[in-house]
Amino acid sequence: MAPTIDLEATRRQLATKREELLEGVSRAREMGAVEGEAGVPDIADRATNAFQREFSFSVSENEARMLKLIEEAIKRLENGTYGHCTHCDEPIEQPRLQAIPWARYCISCQEMQDRGEI
């Protein structure tokens, strides 16, 4: 018999990760706004600031993608489909869900997705 998923613990874990990401996105936006407001006359300083802003926005975009995956996982918890692959509908492996509670795919489908096949 396969072990069951503790849905409440998973819900808490997803909510905690969501809050961490929201804080990170907020910080990145604040940093970008502050750096954009600073009047920097030196071209090297402007280049450094532009790089830092771009890096902040890149981090923010990655966090936004992760946030979307977490929101989708929470919806799957609510509608009773959590723990099943969104591609093949087979159960997602327990160790995978423990490591990545927002996983959408089983390992086989994730490998296909990584190769661009789905």
N, C-alpha and C. Protein backbone atom coordinates (compact mmCIF):
# COMPACT_ATOMS: atom_id res chain seq x y z
N MET A 1 0.84 -1.18 0.00
CA MET A 1 0.00 0.00 0.00
C MET A 1 0.89 1.26 0.00
N ALA A 2 0.59 2.17 -0.90
CA ALA A 2 1.39 3.39 -1.03
C ALA A 2 1.09 4.34 0.12
N PRO A 3 2.10 5.08 0.59
CA PRO A 3 1.86 6.05 1.66
C PRO A 3 0.93 7.16 1.17
N THR A 4 0.13 7.68 2.07
CA THR A 4 -0.78 8.75 1.69
C THR A 4 -0.11 10.10 1.88
N ILE A 5 -0.63 11.07 1.19
CA ILE A 5 -0.09 12.43 1.25
C ILE A 5 -0.80 13.18 2.38
N ASP A 6 -0.04 13.81 3.23
CA ASP A 6 -0.61 14.65 4.28
C ASP A 6 -0.97 15.99 3.63
N LEU A 7 -2.23 16.12 3.26
CA LEU A 7 -2.67 17.29 2.50
C LEU A 7 -2.55 18.58 3.30
N GLU A 8 -2.83 18.54 4.59
CA GLU A 8 -2.73 19.75 5.41
C GLU A 8 -1.28 20.22 5.54
N ALA A 9 -0.37 19.27 5.74
CA ALA A 9 1.05 19.64 5.82
C ALA A 9 1.52 20.19 4.48
N THR A 10 1.05 19.60 3.40
CA THR A 10 1.41 20.09 2.07
C THR A 10 0.85 21.49 1.86
N ARG A 11 -0.39 21.71 2.27
CA ARG A 11 -1.01 23.03 2.13
C ARG A 11 -0.20 24.09 2.90
N ARG A 12 0.22 23.75 4.11
CA ARG A 12 1.03 24.68 4.92
C ARG A 12 2.37 24.95 4.25
N GLN A 13 3.00 23.89 3.74
CA GLN A 13 4.29 24.03 3.08
C GLN A 13 4.17 24.93 1.85
N LEU A 14 3.12 24.74 1.06
CA LEU A 14 2.91 25.57 -0.12
C LEU A 14 2.63 27.02 0.26
N ALA A 15 1.82 27.21 1.30
CA ALA A 15 1.51 28.58 1.75
C ALA A 15 2.76 29.29 2.24
N THR A 16 3.61 28.59 2.96
CA THR A 16 4.86 29.17 3.46
C THR A 16 5.77 29.56 2.30
N LYS A 17 5.91 28.68 1.33
CA LYS A 17 6.75 28.98 0.16
C LYS A 17 6.16 30.14 -0.63
N ARG A 18 4.85 30.19 -0.74
CA ARG A 18 4.20 31.30 -1.45
C ARG A 18 4.52 32.63 -0.77
N GLU A 19 4.44 32.66 0.56
CA GLU A 19 4.76 33.90 1.29
C GLU A 19 6.21 34.31 1.10
N GLU A 20 7.13 33.34 1.13
CA GLU A 20 8.55 33.64 0.90
C GLU A 20 8.75 34.27 -0.47
N LEU A 21 8.10 33.70 -1.47
CA LEU A 21 8.25 34.22 -2.83
C LEU A 21 7.64 35.60 -2.98
N LEU A 22 6.49 35.81 -2.38
CA LEU A 22 5.86 37.13 -2.45
C LEU A 22 6.75 38.19 -1.81
N GLU A 23 7.38 37.85 -0.70
CA GLU A 23 8.32 38.78 -0.06
C GLU A 23 9.52 39.05 -0.96
N GLY A 24 10.03 38.00 -1.60
CA GLY A 24 11.18 38.16 -2.50
C GLY A 24 10.84 39.02 -3.70
N VAL A 25 9.67 38.83 -4.29
CA VAL A 25 9.25 39.64 -5.43
C VAL A 25 9.11 41.09 -5.00
N SER A 26 8.53 41.31 -3.84
CA SER A 26 8.35 42.67 -3.33
C SER A 26 9.71 43.35 -3.12
N ARG A 27 10.65 42.62 -2.52
CA ARG A 27 11.99 43.18 -2.30
C ARG A 27 12.68 43.51 -3.62
N ALA A 28 12.56 42.62 -4.59
CA ALA A 28 13.21 42.85 -5.89
C ALA A 28 12.62 44.08 -6.56
N ARG A 29 11.32 44.24 -6.47
CA ARG A 29 10.69 45.43 -7.07
C ARG A 29 11.14 46.70 -6.37
N GLU A 30 11.24 46.65 -5.04
CA GLU A 30 11.69 47.81 -4.29
C GLU A 30 13.13 48.17 -4.66
N MET A 31 13.99 47.17 -4.77
CA MET A 31 15.38 47.41 -5.14
C MET A 31 15.47 48.03 -6.52
N GLY A 32 14.69 47.52 -7.45
CA GLY A 32 14.69 48.05 -8.80
C GLY A 32 14.22 49.49 -8.83
N ALA A 33 13.21 49.81 -8.03
CA ALA A 33 12.69 51.18 -8.00
C ALA A 33 13.71 52.13 -7.40
N VAL A 34 14.37 51.72 -6.32
CA VAL A 34 15.36 52.57 -5.67
C VAL A 34 16.55 52.77 -6.58
N GLU A 35 17.04 51.70 -7.20
CA GLU A 35 18.20 51.81 -8.07
C GLU A 35 17.87 52.65 -9.30
N GLY A 36 16.64 52.58 -9.78
CA GLY A 36 16.26 53.35 -10.95
C GLY A 36 16.15 54.84 -10.65
N GLU A 37 15.88 55.20 -9.41
CA GLU A 37 15.73 56.59 -9.02
C GLU A 37 17.06 57.29 -8.78
N ALA A 38 18.08 56.53 -8.46
CA ALA A 38 19.38 57.13 -8.12
C ALA A 38 20.00 57.75 -9.36
N GLY A 39 20.42 59.00 -9.24
CA GLY A 39 21.09 59.67 -10.35
C GLY A 39 22.56 59.33 -10.31
N VAL A 40 23.01 58.52 -11.25
CA VAL A 40 24.38 58.04 -11.25
C VAL A 40 25.07 58.58 -12.50
N PRO A 41 26.02 59.53 -12.32
CA PRO A 41 26.66 60.15 -13.48
C PRO A 41 27.71 59.27 -14.15
N ASP A 42 28.40 58.44 -13.41
CA ASP A 42 29.50 57.63 -13.95
C ASP A 42 28.93 56.50 -14.80
N ILE A 43 29.50 56.31 -16.00
CA ILE A 43 28.99 55.29 -16.92
C ILE A 43 29.18 53.88 -16.35
N ALA A 44 30.28 53.64 -15.65
CA ALA A 44 30.50 52.31 -15.05
C ALA A 44 29.47 52.06 -13.95
N ASP A 45 29.17 53.07 -13.15
CA ASP A 45 28.16 52.92 -12.10
C ASP A 45 26.78 52.70 -12.71
N ARG A 46 26.49 53.40 -13.81
CA ARG A 46 25.20 53.20 -14.47
C ARG A 46 25.10 51.79 -15.02
N ALA A 47 26.18 51.28 -15.58
CA ALA A 47 26.18 49.91 -16.11
C ALA A 47 25.98 48.91 -14.98
N THR A 48 26.66 49.12 -13.86
CA THR A 48 26.50 48.23 -12.71
C THR A 48 25.07 48.26 -12.20
N ASN A 49 24.51 49.46 -12.09
CA ASN A 49 23.12 49.59 -11.63
C ASN A 49 22.15 48.93 -12.60
N ALA A 50 22.41 49.08 -13.91
CA ALA A 50 21.54 48.45 -14.91
C ALA A 50 21.61 46.93 -14.77
N PHE A 51 22.80 46.41 -14.57
CA PHE A 51 22.96 44.97 -14.38
C PHE A 51 22.21 44.50 -13.13
N GLN A 52 22.34 45.24 -12.03
CA GLN A 52 21.66 44.87 -10.79
C GLN A 52 20.15 44.91 -10.96
N ARG A 53 19.65 45.92 -11.68
CA ARG A 53 18.20 46.00 -11.93
C ARG A 53 17.75 44.81 -12.76
N GLU A 54 18.51 44.52 -13.82
CA GLU A 54 18.16 43.39 -14.70
C GLU A 54 18.16 42.09 -13.91
N PHE A 55 19.16 41.91 -13.05
CA PHE A 55 19.24 40.72 -12.22
C PHE A 55 18.04 40.65 -11.29
N SER A 56 17.67 41.76 -10.68
CA SER A 56 16.50 41.80 -9.78
C SER A 56 15.24 41.42 -10.52
N PHE A 57 15.07 41.94 -11.74
CA PHE A 57 13.87 41.62 -12.51
C PHE A 57 13.89 40.16 -12.94
N SER A 58 15.06 39.63 -13.26
CA SER A 58 15.18 38.22 -13.63
C SER A 58 14.79 37.33 -12.46
N VAL A 59 15.30 37.66 -11.28
CA VAL A 59 14.93 36.89 -10.09
C VAL A 59 13.43 37.00 -9.87
N SER A 60 12.90 38.19 -10.04
CA SER A 60 11.48 38.41 -9.85
C SER A 60 10.66 37.56 -10.83
N GLU A 61 11.10 37.48 -12.09
CA GLU A 61 10.39 36.67 -13.08
C GLU A 61 10.42 35.20 -12.70
N ASN A 62 11.58 34.71 -12.25
CA ASN A 62 11.68 33.31 -11.83
C ASN A 62 10.78 33.04 -10.63
N GLU A 63 10.78 33.97 -9.69
CA GLU A 63 9.92 33.81 -8.52
C GLU A 63 8.46 33.86 -8.92
N ALA A 64 8.11 34.68 -9.90
CA ALA A 64 6.73 34.76 -10.37
C ALA A 64 6.31 33.43 -11.01
N ARG A 65 7.21 32.81 -11.77
CA ARG A 65 6.91 31.50 -12.35
C ARG A 65 6.68 30.46 -11.26
N MET A 66 7.56 30.48 -10.25
CA MET A 66 7.43 29.54 -9.14
C MET A 66 6.12 29.79 -8.40
N LEU A 67 5.78 31.04 -8.21
CA LEU A 67 4.54 31.40 -7.54
C LEU A 67 3.34 30.85 -8.30
N LYS A 68 3.38 30.93 -9.62
CA LYS A 68 2.29 30.39 -10.44
C LYS A 68 2.16 28.87 -10.23
N LEU A 69 3.29 28.17 -10.19
CA LEU A 69 3.25 26.72 -9.96
C LEU A 69 2.67 26.39 -8.59
N ILE A 70 3.02 27.20 -7.60
CA ILE A 70 2.51 26.97 -6.24
C ILE A 70 1.00 27.22 -6.20
N GLU A 71 0.56 28.29 -6.85
CA GLU A 71 -0.88 28.60 -6.90
C GLU A 71 -1.65 27.46 -7.58
N GLU A 72 -1.08 26.93 -8.65
CA GLU A 72 -1.71 25.80 -9.34
C GLU A 72 -1.79 24.58 -8.43
N ALA A 73 -0.73 24.32 -7.66
CA ALA A 73 -0.72 23.18 -6.75
C ALA A 73 -1.79 23.36 -5.67
N ILE A 74 -1.95 24.58 -5.17
CA ILE A 74 -2.98 24.84 -4.16
C ILE A 74 -4.36 24.59 -4.75
N LYS A 75 -4.59 24.98 -5.99
CA LYS A 75 -5.87 24.72 -6.66
C LYS A 75 -6.11 23.22 -6.80
N ARG A 76 -5.05 22.48 -7.13
CA ARG A 76 -5.19 21.02 -7.24
C ARG A 76 -5.53 20.40 -5.89
N LEU A 77 -4.96 20.96 -4.82
CA LEU A 77 -5.32 20.49 -3.47
C LEU A 77 -6.80 20.72 -3.23
N GLU A 78 -7.29 21.89 -3.61
CA GLU A 78 -8.69 22.25 -3.38
C GLU A 78 -9.65 21.43 -4.21
N ASN A 79 -9.26 21.10 -5.44
CA ASN A 79 -10.20 20.36 -6.29
C ASN A 79 -9.99 18.84 -6.28
N GLY A 80 -9.06 18.37 -5.45
CA GLY A 80 -8.88 16.93 -5.27
C GLY A 80 -8.01 16.25 -6.30
N THR A 81 -7.29 17.01 -7.13
CA THR A 81 -6.44 16.38 -8.14
C THR A 81 -4.96 16.43 -7.76
N TYR A 82 -4.65 16.98 -6.58
CA TYR A 82 -3.25 17.07 -6.15
C TYR A 82 -2.65 15.67 -6.06
N GLY A 83 -1.40 15.56 -6.51
CA GLY A 83 -0.69 14.28 -6.44
C GLY A 83 -0.82 13.46 -7.70
N HIS A 84 -1.57 13.98 -8.68
CA HIS A 84 -1.70 13.30 -9.96
C HIS A 84 -1.09 14.16 -11.05
N CYS A 85 -0.40 13.52 -11.97
CA CYS A 85 0.25 14.21 -13.08
C CYS A 85 -0.80 14.93 -13.92
N THR A 86 -0.53 16.19 -14.24
CA THR A 86 -1.47 16.96 -15.05
C THR A 86 -1.44 16.55 -16.52
N HIS A 87 -0.46 15.73 -16.90
CA HIS A 87 -0.38 15.27 -18.29
C HIS A 87 -1.00 13.89 -18.45
N CYS A 88 -0.57 12.92 -17.66
CA CYS A 88 -1.03 11.54 -17.84
C CYS A 88 -2.02 11.09 -16.77
N ASP A 89 -2.21 11.89 -15.74
CA ASP A 89 -3.13 11.63 -14.64
C ASP A 89 -2.71 10.45 -13.75
N GLU A 90 -1.50 9.97 -13.94
CA GLU A 90 -0.98 8.93 -13.05
C GLU A 90 -0.51 9.59 -11.76
N PRO A 91 -0.46 8.84 -10.64
CA PRO A 91 0.03 9.42 -9.39
C PRO A 91 1.49 9.88 -9.52
N ILE A 92 1.77 11.03 -8.95
CA ILE A 92 3.15 11.53 -8.91
C ILE A 92 3.85 10.83 -7.75
N GLU A 93 5.08 10.44 -7.96
CA GLU A 93 5.82 9.67 -6.97
C GLU A 93 5.94 10.47 -5.66
N GLN A 94 5.72 9.77 -4.53
CA GLN A 94 5.74 10.39 -3.20
C GLN A 94 7.04 11.15 -2.92
N PRO A 95 8.22 10.56 -3.19
CA PRO A 95 9.46 11.31 -2.93
C PRO A 95 9.54 12.60 -3.76
N ARG A 96 9.00 12.57 -4.96
CA ARG A 96 9.00 13.77 -5.81
C ARG A 96 8.12 14.85 -5.18
N LEU A 97 6.95 14.48 -4.71
CA LEU A 97 6.06 15.46 -4.07
C LEU A 97 6.65 15.99 -2.77
N GLN A 98 7.37 15.16 -2.07
CA GLN A 98 8.00 15.64 -0.84
C GLN A 98 9.10 16.64 -1.16
N ALA A 99 9.84 16.40 -2.23
CA ALA A 99 10.93 17.30 -2.61
C ALA A 99 10.40 18.56 -3.31
N ILE A 100 9.38 18.39 -4.14
CA ILE A 100 8.82 19.49 -4.94
C ILE A 100 7.30 19.43 -4.82
N PRO A 101 6.73 19.98 -3.75
CA PRO A 101 5.30 19.84 -3.55
C PRO A 101 4.44 20.52 -4.62
N TRP A 102 5.03 21.38 -5.44
CA TRP A 102 4.27 22.04 -6.50
C TRP A 102 4.44 21.32 -7.84
N ALA A 103 5.04 20.12 -7.83
CA ALA A 103 5.28 19.37 -9.08
C ALA A 103 3.96 19.11 -9.80
N ARG A 104 3.97 19.36 -11.11
CA ARG A 104 2.78 19.12 -11.94
C ARG A 104 2.83 17.77 -12.61
N TYR A 105 4.05 17.27 -12.82
CA TYR A 105 4.22 16.07 -13.62
C TYR A 105 4.88 14.95 -12.83
N CYS A 106 4.56 13.71 -13.22
CA CYS A 106 5.31 12.57 -12.71
C CYS A 106 6.71 12.65 -13.35
N ILE A 107 7.61 11.83 -12.91
CA ILE A 107 8.99 11.90 -13.41
C ILE A 107 9.05 11.66 -14.91
N SER A 108 8.31 10.67 -15.41
CA SER A 108 8.35 10.37 -16.85
C SER A 108 7.87 11.56 -17.68
N CYS A 109 6.76 12.15 -17.28
CA CYS A 109 6.22 13.30 -18.02
C CYS A 109 7.12 14.53 -17.86
N GLN A 110 7.74 14.69 -16.68
CA GLN A 110 8.67 15.81 -16.49
C GLN A 110 9.86 15.68 -17.44
N GLU A 111 10.35 14.46 -17.61
CA GLU A 111 11.46 14.25 -18.54
C GLU A 111 11.03 14.59 -19.96
N MET A 112 9.81 14.20 -20.35
CA MET A 112 9.32 14.57 -21.67
C MET A 112 9.18 16.08 -21.81
N GLN A 113 8.70 16.73 -20.76
CA GLN A 113 8.54 18.18 -20.78
C GLN A 113 9.89 18.87 -20.91
N ASP A 114 10.88 18.36 -20.19
CA ASP A 114 12.24 18.92 -20.26
C ASP A 114 12.83 18.81 -21.67
N ARG A 115 12.44 17.76 -22.39
CA ARG A 115 12.92 17.57 -23.77
C ARG A 115 12.06 18.34 -24.77
N GLY A 116 11.00 18.98 -24.29
CA GLY A 116 10.12 19.76 -25.16
C GLY A 116 9.10 18.90 -25.89
N GLU A 117 8.85 17.71 -25.39
CA GLU A 117 7.91 16.80 -26.06
C GLU A 117 6.47 17.01 -25.61
N ILE A 118 6.28 17.69 -24.48
CA ILE A 118 4.91 18.03 -24.04
C ILE A 118 4.89 19.49 -23.62
